[in-house]
Amino acid sequence: MYTIRKLFKFEMAHQLSTAYSTACSEQIHGHSYICEVFFKSDELDETGMVIDFGEVKALIGEYMDFWDHSLVMPSDMPKEYLKALTKYNKKLQIVPYNPTAEAMAKDMYYRIKKLMRGSANPDIADKVYKVRLHETTTGYAEYEWCSSKTG
């Protein structure tokens, strides 16, 4: 089995609707994110690669730029608060979940697979193995699809 990883960096702010730390739920705050996208394959393509790193960047680089310098807010925040933020933020992303690293890693995983399914070579979507999202230098969350449930 071959595994490759492509790393993307972006700066992003968010506010959580609920969290253990009130520093995360009572105000907007930002992080320097690192997103790692992993690809796996039993076989290499005709060029001797799982997928060319340049192709990965061409397929999902714009999507990663979408998050850079954006403000991500959960949709369950007070409507008047979101309305005020919308007025003054051109890169406001309102998501239907609490934007934790875990939830964002899952969302990114499925969005990346969807983007790749829409490419000239949709089979590469099957090579997307997992997404690891570093929120800080000491903490990350990762999501990978598993066909069997544990517990």
C-alpha atoms as a PDB file:
ATOM      1  CA  MET A   1       0.000   0.000   0.000  1.00  0.00           C
ATOM      2  CA  TYR A   2       1.308   3.428  -0.982  1.00  0.00           C
ATOM      3  CA  THR A   3       0.405   6.582   0.954  1.00  0.00           C
ATOM      4  CA  ILE A   4       1.125  10.184   0.021  1.00  0.00           C
ATOM      5  CA  ARG A   5       0.234  13.419   1.781  1.00  0.00           C
ATOM      6  CA  LYS A   6      -0.283  16.952   0.504  1.00  0.00           C
ATOM      7  CA  LEU A   7      -0.135  19.781   3.030  1.00  0.00           C
ATOM      8  CA  PHE A   8      -2.001  23.086   2.842  1.00  0.00           C
ATOM      9  CA  LYS A   9      -1.719  26.067   5.217  1.00  0.00           C
ATOM     10  CA  PHE A  10      -4.245  28.799   5.896  1.00  0.00           C
ATOM     11  CA  GLU A  11      -5.245  31.338   8.525  1.00  0.00           C
ATOM     12  CA  MET A  12      -8.830  31.204   9.695  1.00  0.00           C
ATOM     13  CA  ALA A  13     -11.022  32.560  12.470  1.00  0.00           C
ATOM     14  CA  HIS A  14     -14.048  30.908  14.003  1.00  0.00           C
ATOM     15  CA  GLN A  15     -16.302  30.851  17.014  1.00  0.00           C
ATOM     16  CA  LEU A  16     -17.775  27.716  18.500  1.00  0.00           C
ATOM     17  CA  SER A  17     -21.380  27.579  19.643  1.00  0.00           C
ATOM     18  CA  THR A  18     -20.377  25.319  22.555  1.00  0.00           C
ATOM     19  CA  ALA A  19     -17.021  24.265  23.976  1.00  0.00           C
ATOM     20  CA  TYR A  20     -15.348  23.301  27.241  1.00  0.00           C
ATOM     21  CA  SER A  21     -13.283  26.484  27.018  1.00  0.00           C
ATOM     22  CA  THR A  22     -15.308  29.684  27.067  1.00  0.00           C
ATOM     23  CA  ALA A  23     -12.383  31.327  25.231  1.00  0.00           C
ATOM     24  CA  CYS A  24     -13.572  29.330  22.184  1.00  0.00           C
ATOM     25  CA  SER A  25     -17.303  29.903  22.559  1.00  0.00           C
ATOM     26  CA  GLU A  26     -17.549  33.468  23.854  1.00  0.00           C
ATOM     27  CA  GLN A  27     -15.537  35.215  21.154  1.00  0.00           C
ATOM     28  CA  ILE A  28     -14.192  34.980  17.658  1.00  0.00           C
ATOM     29  CA  HIS A  29     -10.604  33.744  17.625  1.00  0.00           C
ATOM     30  CA  GLY A  30      -8.173  32.523  14.999  1.00  0.00           C
ATOM     31  CA  HIS A  31      -5.680  29.794  14.275  1.00  0.00           C
ATOM     32  CA  SER A  32      -2.917  29.017  11.810  1.00  0.00           C
ATOM     33  CA  TYR A  33      -4.328  25.838  10.296  1.00  0.00           C
ATOM     34  CA  ILE A  34      -2.478  23.060   8.544  1.00  0.00           C
ATOM     35  CA  CYS A  35      -4.575  20.648   6.521  1.00  0.00           C
ATOM     36  CA  GLU A  36      -3.031  17.375   5.425  1.00  0.00           C
ATOM     37  CA  VAL A  37      -4.811  15.342   2.770  1.00  0.00           C
ATOM     38  CA  PHE A  38      -3.756  11.691   2.554  1.00  0.00           C
ATOM     39  CA  PHE A  39      -4.131   9.437  -0.482  1.00  0.00           C
ATOM     40  CA  LYS A  40      -3.689   5.656  -0.579  1.00  0.00           C
ATOM     41  CA  SER A  41      -3.387   3.183  -3.415  1.00  0.00           C
ATOM     42  CA  ASP A  42      -2.369  -0.431  -3.866  1.00  0.00           C
ATOM     43  CA  GLU A  43      -0.925   0.430  -7.262  1.00  0.00           C
ATOM     44  CA  LEU A  44       0.960   3.296  -8.858  1.00  0.00           C
ATOM     45  CA  ASP A  45      -0.267   4.996 -12.013  1.00  0.00           C
ATOM     46  CA  GLU A  46       1.529   4.953 -15.379  1.00  0.00           C
ATOM     47  CA  THR A  47       3.896   7.689 -14.123  1.00  0.00           C
ATOM     48  CA  GLY A  48       4.863   5.720 -11.006  1.00  0.00           C
ATOM     49  CA  MET A  49       2.792   7.832  -8.609  1.00  0.00           C
ATOM     50  CA  VAL A  50      -0.273   7.468  -6.416  1.00  0.00           C
ATOM     51  CA  ILE A  51      -1.273  10.898  -7.748  1.00  0.00           C
ATOM     52  CA  ASP A  52       0.922  13.782  -8.834  1.00  0.00           C
ATOM     53  CA  PHE A  53       1.239  16.430  -6.092  1.00  0.00           C
ATOM     54  CA  GLY A  54       0.725  19.098  -8.755  1.00  0.00           C
ATOM     55  CA  GLU A  55      -2.561  17.487  -9.745  1.00  0.00           C
ATOM     56  CA  VAL A  56      -3.693  17.486  -6.113  1.00  0.00           C
ATOM     57  CA  LYS A  57      -2.920  21.188  -5.832  1.00  0.00           C
ATOM     58  CA  ALA A  58      -4.693  21.919  -9.128  1.00  0.00           C
ATOM     59  CA  LEU A  59      -7.789  20.008  -8.001  1.00  0.00           C
ATOM     60  CA  ILE A  60      -8.169  21.257  -4.421  1.00  0.00           C
ATOM     61  CA  GLY A  61      -5.853  24.269  -4.033  1.00  0.00           C
ATOM     62  CA  GLU A  62      -8.620  26.745  -4.804  1.00  0.00           C
ATOM     63  CA  TYR A  63     -10.875  25.006  -2.298  1.00  0.00           C
ATOM     64  CA  MET A  64      -8.187  25.355   0.389  1.00  0.00           C
ATOM     65  CA  ASP A  65      -7.784  29.045  -0.503  1.00  0.00           C
ATOM     66  CA  PHE A  66     -11.532  29.371   0.140  1.00  0.00           C
ATOM     67  CA  TRP A  67     -10.808  28.879   3.869  1.00  0.00           C
ATOM     68  CA  ASP A  68      -7.811  31.256   4.022  1.00  0.00           C
ATOM     69  CA  HIS A  69      -8.583  34.400   6.014  1.00  0.00           C
ATOM     70  CA  SER A  70     -12.215  33.417   6.352  1.00  0.00           C
ATOM     71  CA  LEU A  71     -14.462  33.621   9.372  1.00  0.00           C
ATOM     72  CA  VAL A  72     -16.355  30.397  10.066  1.00  0.00           C
ATOM     73  CA  MET A  73     -19.462  30.530  12.202  1.00  0.00           C
ATOM     74  CA  PRO A  74     -22.007  27.874  13.181  1.00  0.00           C
ATOM     75  CA  SER A  75     -25.510  28.409  11.846  1.00  0.00           C
ATOM     76  CA  ASP A  76     -27.044  28.067  15.326  1.00  0.00           C
ATOM     77  CA  MET A  77     -25.628  31.403  16.493  1.00  0.00           C
ATOM     78  CA  PRO A  78     -28.167  34.205  17.061  1.00  0.00           C
ATOM     79  CA  LYS A  79     -29.517  35.431  13.712  1.00  0.00           C
ATOM     80  CA  GLU A  80     -28.858  39.117  14.491  1.00  0.00           C
ATOM     81  CA  TYR A  81     -25.230  38.281  15.297  1.00  0.00           C
ATOM     82  CA  LEU A  82     -24.749  36.406  12.017  1.00  0.00           C
ATOM     83  CA  LYS A  83     -26.486  39.219  10.113  1.00  0.00           C
ATOM     84  CA  ALA A  84     -24.081  41.806  11.558  1.00  0.00           C
ATOM     85  CA  LEU A  85     -21.086  39.613  10.732  1.00  0.00           C
ATOM     86  CA  THR A  86     -22.346  39.095   7.174  1.00  0.00           C
ATOM     87  CA  LYS A  87     -22.454  42.857   6.640  1.00  0.00           C
ATOM     88  CA  TYR A  88     -18.767  43.340   7.444  1.00  0.00           C
ATOM     89  CA  ASN A  89     -17.087  40.069   6.399  1.00  0.00           C
ATOM     90  CA  LYS A  90     -16.658  39.150   2.745  1.00  0.00           C
ATOM     91  CA  LYS A  91     -15.331  35.699   3.603  1.00  0.00           C
ATOM     92  CA  LEU A  92     -17.883  34.675   6.201  1.00  0.00           C
ATOM     93  CA  GLN A  93     -18.680  30.955   6.020  1.00  0.00           C
ATOM     94  CA  ILE A  94     -21.758  29.862   7.943  1.00  0.00           C
ATOM     95  CA  VAL A  95     -21.678  26.102   8.466  1.00  0.00           C
ATOM     96  CA  PRO A  96     -24.423  23.754   9.726  1.00  0.00           C
ATOM     97  CA  TYR A  97     -22.228  22.391  12.527  1.00  0.00           C
ATOM     98  CA  ASN A  98     -20.124  23.572  15.452  1.00  0.00           C
ATOM     99  CA  PRO A  99     -16.840  24.356  13.594  1.00  0.00           C
ATOM    100  CA  THR A 100     -14.517  22.239  15.708  1.00  0.00           C
ATOM    101  CA  ALA A 101     -11.380  20.754  14.174  1.00  0.00           C
ATOM    102  CA  GLU A 102     -13.132  17.367  14.155  1.00  0.00           C
ATOM    103  CA  ALA A 103     -16.236  18.591  12.336  1.00  0.00           C
ATOM    104  CA  MET A 104     -14.187  20.614   9.863  1.00  0.00           C
ATOM    105  CA  ALA A 105     -11.903  17.652   9.081  1.00  0.00           C
ATOM    106  CA  LYS A 106     -14.975  15.550   8.252  1.00  0.00           C
ATOM    107  CA  ASP A 107     -16.516  18.309   6.129  1.00  0.00           C
ATOM    108  CA  MET A 108     -13.240  18.813   4.252  1.00  0.00           C
ATOM    109  CA  TYR A 109     -12.868  15.081   3.633  1.00  0.00           C
ATOM    110  CA  TYR A 110     -16.240  14.849   1.897  1.00  0.00           C
ATOM    111  CA  ARG A 111     -15.870  18.123   0.001  1.00  0.00           C
ATOM    112  CA  ILE A 112     -12.439  17.083  -1.304  1.00  0.00           C
ATOM    113  CA  LYS A 113     -13.777  13.709  -2.444  1.00  0.00           C
ATOM    114  CA  LYS A 114     -16.649  15.491  -4.220  1.00  0.00           C
ATOM    115  CA  LEU A 115     -14.260  17.884  -5.982  1.00  0.00           C
ATOM    116  CA  MET A 116     -12.131  14.988  -7.144  1.00  0.00           C
ATOM    117  CA  ARG A 117     -15.164  13.042  -8.391  1.00  0.00           C
ATOM    118  CA  GLY A 118     -15.900  16.033 -10.617  1.00  0.00           C
ATOM    119  CA  SER A 119     -12.408  16.009 -12.162  1.00  0.00           C
ATOM    120  CA  ALA A 120     -11.291  14.548 -15.494  1.00  0.00           C
ATOM    121  CA  ASN A 121     -10.140  11.450 -13.576  1.00  0.00           C
ATOM    122  CA  PRO A 122     -12.914  10.759 -11.015  1.00  0.00           C
ATOM    123  CA  ASP A 123     -11.247   7.515  -9.854  1.00  0.00           C
ATOM    124  CA  ILE A 124      -8.748   9.537  -7.829  1.00  0.00           C
ATOM    125  CA  ALA A 125     -11.559  10.382  -5.380  1.00  0.00           C
ATOM    126  CA  ASP A 126     -11.332   6.770  -4.225  1.00  0.00           C
ATOM    127  CA  LYS A 127      -7.698   7.370  -3.260  1.00  0.00           C
ATOM    128  CA  VAL A 128      -8.585  10.050  -0.684  1.00  0.00           C
ATOM    129  CA  TYR A 129      -7.810   8.265   2.566  1.00  0.00           C
ATOM    130  CA  LYS A 130      -8.110  10.846   5.328  1.00  0.00           C
ATOM    131  CA  VAL A 131      -7.911  14.513   6.223  1.00  0.00           C
ATOM    132  CA  ARG A 132      -5.895  15.726   9.198  1.00  0.00           C
ATOM    133  CA  LEU A 133      -6.581  19.288  10.340  1.00  0.00           C
ATOM    134  CA  HIS A 134      -4.113  20.933  12.716  1.00  0.00           C
ATOM    135  CA  GLU A 135      -5.755  23.752  14.632  1.00  0.00           C
ATOM    136  CA  THR A 136      -2.622  24.462  16.663  1.00  0.00           C
ATOM    137  CA  THR A 137       0.951  23.185  16.700  1.00  0.00           C
ATOM    138  CA  THR A 138       0.006  20.769  19.476  1.00  0.00           C
ATOM    139  CA  GLY A 139      -3.449  19.600  18.440  1.00  0.00           C
ATOM    140  CA  TYR A 140      -5.127  18.156  15.393  1.00  0.00           C
ATOM    141  CA  ALA A 141      -8.185  16.151  14.411  1.00  0.00           C
ATOM    142  CA  GLU A 142      -8.450  13.711  11.572  1.00  0.00           C
ATOM    143  CA  TYR A 143     -11.278  12.077   9.719  1.00  0.00           C
ATOM    144  CA  GLU A 144     -11.225   8.949   7.624  1.00  0.00           C
ATOM    145  CA  TRP A 145     -14.220   7.039   6.404  1.00  0.00           C
ATOM    146  CA  CYS A 146     -14.649   3.584   7.913  1.00  0.00           C
ATOM    147  CA  SER A 147     -17.166   1.054   6.645  1.00  0.00           C
ATOM    148  CA  SER A 148     -17.644  -0.551  10.047  1.00  0.00           C
ATOM    149  CA  LYS A 149     -18.816   1.121  13.232  1.00  0.00           C
ATOM    150  CA  THR A 150     -16.864   0.605  16.453  1.00  0.00           C
ATOM    151  CA  GLY A 151     -18.277   0.275  19.914  1.00  0.00           C
END
